[in-house]
Amino acid sequence: MSITLVVCDIAGTTVDEHGSVYRALADAVGEVAGTRPNESQVQDWMGADKTEALAGLTRVVGGEPTTELVERGVDHFKSLLSRYYAARPPVALPGVEETLTDLRGRGMKIALTTGFSRDVACPLLASLGWVVAPLEETDDAGPASLLLDAVVCSDEVAAGRPAPYMIHRAMERTGVQDVRQVLAAGDTVNDLLAATRAGVTAVGVLTGKLGRKDLAAHPHDHIVSGVQDIPELLS
């Protein structure tokens, strides 16, 4: 059965945001919990919903993730991320726009999923000129560099990765009903776990922080260098 929907993560998979998410998350936890998590601890939560990640990392460093503390941490994370993005804007990873445009031209649906909330994801995508079709015309809308069929954020489902819900929501929004027709790609362990739990083809990409050995230690169907390798994989 052929693939009709390709679902990709954003940060580290389709977008190079220069590690700003890692830095902002660690800095936010350090601010509200008093202890900054190390890189390995942060990596365990990459790809997950950022509210869940902040609560989990607070526990990891010995803090108590009360509702008030987590809310304060999330607000601080968003503020830091906005500042880091302004200093060093995210860019599309090499070949991603061309690849996804090509796949869409072949009749496949293209969806993005993310551990970001919508208020974080939308400005990021807009800065790249990535929009959901059909285009919503606005006075300041520039030319689209990538048309998407759906974007699903972690605050729109019951639970973020590694739960499968964002992938299934992407299927719902694009009208795809058979998990055998779906490929989901991501650069983190949580991306692979979500794809596996969703019952779709799970593809790891090496454009994030993890290497082939790290990803291969977890359930997957394929591991490729990047999103640009998906067309060859499908053929």
Protein backbone atom coordinates (compact mmCIF):
# COMPACT_ATOMS: atom_id res chain seq x y z
CA MET A 1 0.00 0.00 0.00
CA SER A 2 1.39 3.40 -0.99
CA ILE A 3 2.02 6.34 1.34
CA THR A 4 -0.54 9.14 1.03
CA LEU A 5 0.40 11.21 4.09
CA VAL A 6 3.87 12.26 5.23
CA VAL A 7 4.01 13.66 8.77
CA CYS A 8 7.18 15.43 9.91
CA ASP A 9 8.35 16.96 13.16
CA ILE A 10 9.46 20.59 13.04
CA ALA A 11 12.57 21.42 15.12
CA GLY A 12 15.53 19.25 14.13
CA THR A 13 13.60 17.47 11.37
CA THR A 14 12.40 20.12 8.95
CA VAL A 15 13.76 23.24 10.64
CA ASP A 16 17.23 24.09 11.95
CA GLU A 17 16.57 26.27 14.97
CA HIS A 18 20.19 26.09 16.12
CA GLY A 19 19.48 24.24 19.36
CA SER A 20 17.47 27.14 20.76
CA VAL A 21 14.70 24.85 22.05
CA TYR A 22 17.19 22.78 24.07
CA ARG A 23 18.78 25.90 25.49
CA ALA A 24 15.50 27.65 26.31
CA LEU A 25 14.04 24.57 27.98
CA ALA A 26 17.13 23.96 30.13
CA ASP A 27 17.39 27.65 31.04
CA ALA A 28 13.69 27.81 31.96
CA VAL A 29 13.93 24.77 34.24
CA GLY A 30 17.05 26.20 35.84
CA GLU A 31 15.24 29.48 36.50
CA VAL A 32 12.13 28.01 38.15
CA ALA A 33 13.58 24.87 39.77
CA GLY A 34 16.94 26.27 40.82
CA THR A 35 18.96 23.56 39.05
CA ARG A 36 19.68 23.45 35.33
CA PRO A 37 19.28 19.99 33.73
CA ASN A 38 22.18 18.61 31.71
CA GLU A 39 22.06 17.96 27.97
CA SER A 40 21.27 14.26 28.34
CA GLN A 41 18.36 14.95 30.65
CA VAL A 42 16.93 17.53 28.25
CA GLN A 43 17.34 15.18 25.29
CA ASP A 44 15.09 12.62 26.97
CA TRP A 45 12.25 15.13 26.73
CA MET A 46 12.88 16.51 23.26
CA GLY A 47 9.91 16.14 20.93
CA ALA A 48 7.50 16.04 23.87
CA ASP A 49 4.95 18.68 24.76
CA LYS A 50 6.89 21.51 26.36
CA THR A 51 4.61 21.80 29.40
CA GLU A 52 5.04 18.07 30.05
CA ALA A 53 8.77 18.38 29.40
CA LEU A 54 9.18 21.23 31.85
CA ALA A 55 7.29 19.35 34.56
CA GLY A 56 9.28 16.18 33.92
CA LEU A 57 12.63 17.94 33.94
CA THR A 58 11.71 19.76 37.15
CA ARG A 59 11.25 16.34 38.78
CA VAL A 60 14.53 15.11 37.29
CA VAL A 61 16.49 17.91 38.94
CA GLY A 62 14.75 17.34 42.26
CA GLY A 63 12.08 20.01 42.13
CA GLU A 64 8.33 19.81 42.71
CA PRO A 65 6.42 20.65 39.52
CA THR A 66 3.46 22.46 41.03
CA THR A 67 0.93 23.98 38.65
CA GLU A 68 2.16 27.47 39.46
CA LEU A 69 5.81 26.59 38.95
CA VAL A 70 5.16 24.84 35.63
CA GLU A 71 3.07 27.71 34.31
CA ARG A 72 5.79 30.15 35.27
CA GLY A 73 8.37 27.91 33.65
CA VAL A 74 6.41 27.65 30.40
CA ASP A 75 6.02 31.42 30.22
CA HIS A 76 9.76 31.81 30.81
CA PHE A 77 10.51 29.18 28.15
CA LYS A 78 8.41 31.02 25.55
CA SER A 79 10.07 34.33 26.41
CA LEU A 80 13.55 32.85 26.16
CA LEU A 81 12.79 31.02 22.92
CA SER A 82 11.45 34.21 21.33
CA ARG A 83 14.62 36.01 22.36
CA TYR A 84 16.91 33.26 21.04
CA TYR A 85 14.99 33.06 17.75
CA ALA A 86 15.26 36.82 17.32
CA ALA A 87 19.02 36.64 17.82
CA ARG A 88 19.43 33.67 15.49
CA PRO A 89 16.36 33.00 13.31
CA PRO A 90 15.42 29.41 12.44
CA VAL A 91 15.92 28.27 8.83
CA ALA A 92 14.63 25.38 6.78
CA LEU A 93 16.99 22.41 6.74
CA PRO A 94 18.67 21.80 3.37
CA GLY A 95 16.38 20.23 0.78
CA VAL A 96 13.29 20.14 3.02
CA GLU A 97 11.15 22.69 1.18
CA GLU A 98 11.98 21.19 -2.20
CA THR A 99 11.36 17.64 -0.98
CA LEU A 100 8.01 18.31 0.68
CA THR A 101 6.86 20.42 -2.27
CA ASP A 102 7.81 17.56 -4.60
CA LEU A 103 5.91 14.99 -2.50
CA ARG A 104 2.87 17.24 -2.35
CA GLY A 105 3.08 17.64 -6.12
CA ARG A 106 2.86 13.85 -6.41
CA GLY A 107 -0.46 13.93 -4.59
CA MET A 108 0.71 13.18 -1.06
CA LYS A 109 -0.57 15.15 1.92
CA ILE A 110 2.05 16.92 4.04
CA ALA A 111 1.54 17.57 7.77
CA LEU A 112 3.78 18.87 10.52
CA THR A 113 3.52 17.95 14.19
CA THR A 114 5.32 19.64 17.04
CA GLY A 115 5.82 19.66 20.77
CA PHE A 116 5.28 23.42 20.60
CA SER A 117 1.98 25.03 21.48
CA ARG A 118 0.26 26.81 18.58
CA ASP A 119 1.20 30.27 19.83
CA VAL A 120 4.87 29.27 19.48
CA ALA A 121 4.60 27.22 16.28
CA CYS A 122 2.61 29.69 14.16
CA PRO A 123 5.10 32.61 14.31
CA LEU A 124 7.96 30.19 13.65
CA LEU A 125 6.29 28.76 10.53
CA ALA A 126 5.19 32.19 9.37
CA SER A 127 8.78 33.44 9.56
CA LEU A 128 9.71 30.69 7.11
CA GLY A 129 6.79 31.37 4.79
CA TRP A 130 5.23 27.97 5.52
CA VAL A 131 1.45 28.07 5.42
CA VAL A 132 -1.45 25.66 5.51
CA ALA A 133 -3.34 25.45 2.21
CA PRO A 134 -5.67 26.88 1.14
CA LEU A 135 -3.87 30.14 1.76
CA GLU A 136 -5.58 32.60 4.05
CA GLU A 137 -4.93 35.93 2.40
CA THR A 138 -3.72 38.71 4.67
CA ASP A 139 -2.43 42.17 3.88
CA ASP A 140 1.11 41.29 4.94
CA ALA A 141 1.20 37.76 3.56
CA GLY A 142 4.30 37.12 1.52
CA PRO A 143 4.82 34.41 -1.06
CA ALA A 144 4.59 30.92 0.44
CA SER A 145 7.79 28.88 0.24
CA LEU A 146 6.00 25.71 1.40
CA LEU A 147 2.34 24.71 1.38
CA LEU A 148 1.20 22.32 4.10
CA ASP A 149 -2.01 20.35 4.46
CA ALA A 150 -2.06 20.40 8.27
CA VAL A 151 -0.10 21.51 11.33
CA VAL A 152 -0.85 19.83 14.66
CA CYS A 153 0.49 21.25 17.92
CA SER A 154 0.83 19.50 21.26
CA ASP A 155 -1.73 21.74 22.96
CA GLU A 156 -4.41 20.52 20.54
CA VAL A 157 -4.40 16.90 21.69
CA ALA A 158 -4.88 15.04 24.98
CA ALA A 159 -1.15 14.30 25.29
CA GLY A 160 1.96 15.10 23.29
CA ARG A 161 4.63 12.66 22.17
CA PRO A 162 5.32 9.83 22.79
CA ALA A 163 1.52 9.50 22.63
CA PRO A 164 0.30 8.89 19.05
CA TYR A 165 -2.43 11.50 19.11
CA MET A 166 -0.83 14.24 17.01
CA ILE A 167 -0.25 11.81 14.15
CA HIS A 168 -3.82 10.57 14.33
CA ARG A 169 -5.07 14.17 14.44
CA ALA A 170 -3.02 14.88 11.30
CA MET A 171 -4.73 11.91 9.66
CA GLU A 172 -8.11 13.27 10.72
CA ARG A 173 -7.39 16.71 9.30
CA THR A 174 -6.13 15.35 5.98
CA GLY A 175 -8.81 12.69 5.55
CA VAL A 176 -6.42 9.71 5.68
CA GLN A 177 -7.99 6.75 7.47
CA ASP A 178 -5.46 3.93 7.05
CA VAL A 179 -2.30 4.02 9.18
CA ARG A 180 -0.58 1.91 6.54
CA GLN A 181 -0.71 4.92 4.25
CA VAL A 182 1.16 7.17 6.68
CA LEU A 183 4.88 7.83 7.17
CA ALA A 184 6.04 9.86 10.17
CA ALA A 185 9.58 11.25 10.38
CA GLY A 186 11.41 12.79 13.32
CA ASP A 187 14.81 13.30 14.91
CA THR A 188 14.08 12.22 18.49
CA VAL A 189 13.27 9.04 20.36
CA ASN A 190 9.87 10.46 21.23
CA ASP A 191 9.18 10.98 17.52
CA LEU A 192 9.89 7.30 16.84
CA LEU A 193 7.82 6.16 19.81
CA ALA A 194 4.85 8.26 18.72
CA ALA A 195 5.03 6.90 15.18
CA THR A 196 5.32 3.32 16.39
CA ARG A 197 2.39 3.72 18.78
CA ALA A 198 0.36 5.33 16.01
CA GLY A 199 0.90 2.25 13.85
CA VAL A 200 2.49 4.20 10.98
CA THR A 201 5.85 3.84 9.23
CA ALA A 202 8.41 5.26 11.68
CA VAL A 203 11.39 7.03 10.13
CA GLY A 204 14.26 8.50 12.11
CA VAL A 205 16.29 11.35 10.63
CA LEU A 206 19.85 12.29 11.55
CA THR A 207 19.48 16.07 11.34
CA GLY A 208 18.93 16.49 15.09
CA LYS A 209 21.16 15.85 18.09
CA LEU A 210 21.00 12.03 17.97
CA GLY A 211 23.13 9.75 15.83
CA ARG A 212 22.15 6.59 14.01
CA LYS A 213 23.13 4.33 16.92
CA ASP A 214 21.01 6.35 19.35
CA LEU A 215 17.89 6.19 17.18
CA ALA A 216 18.43 2.59 16.11
CA ALA A 217 18.19 1.48 19.75
CA HIS A 218 14.46 2.21 19.61
CA PRO A 219 11.61 0.79 17.50
CA HIS A 220 11.70 2.14 13.94
CA ASP A 221 11.21 1.13 10.33
CA HIS A 222 13.93 3.23 8.69
CA ILE A 223 16.68 5.67 9.57
CA VAL A 224 17.77 8.17 6.91
CA SER A 225 20.10 11.14 6.75
CA GLY A 226 17.28 13.63 6.45
CA VAL A 227 13.86 14.46 5.06
CA GLN A 228 15.39 14.84 1.60
CA ASP A 229 15.88 11.05 1.56
CA ILE A 230 12.15 10.26 1.95
CA PRO A 231 11.36 10.23 -1.81
CA GLU A 232 14.03 7.60 -2.44
CA LEU A 233 12.74 5.63 0.53
CA LEU A 234 9.23 5.67 -0.91
CA SER A 235 10.42 4.52 -4.29
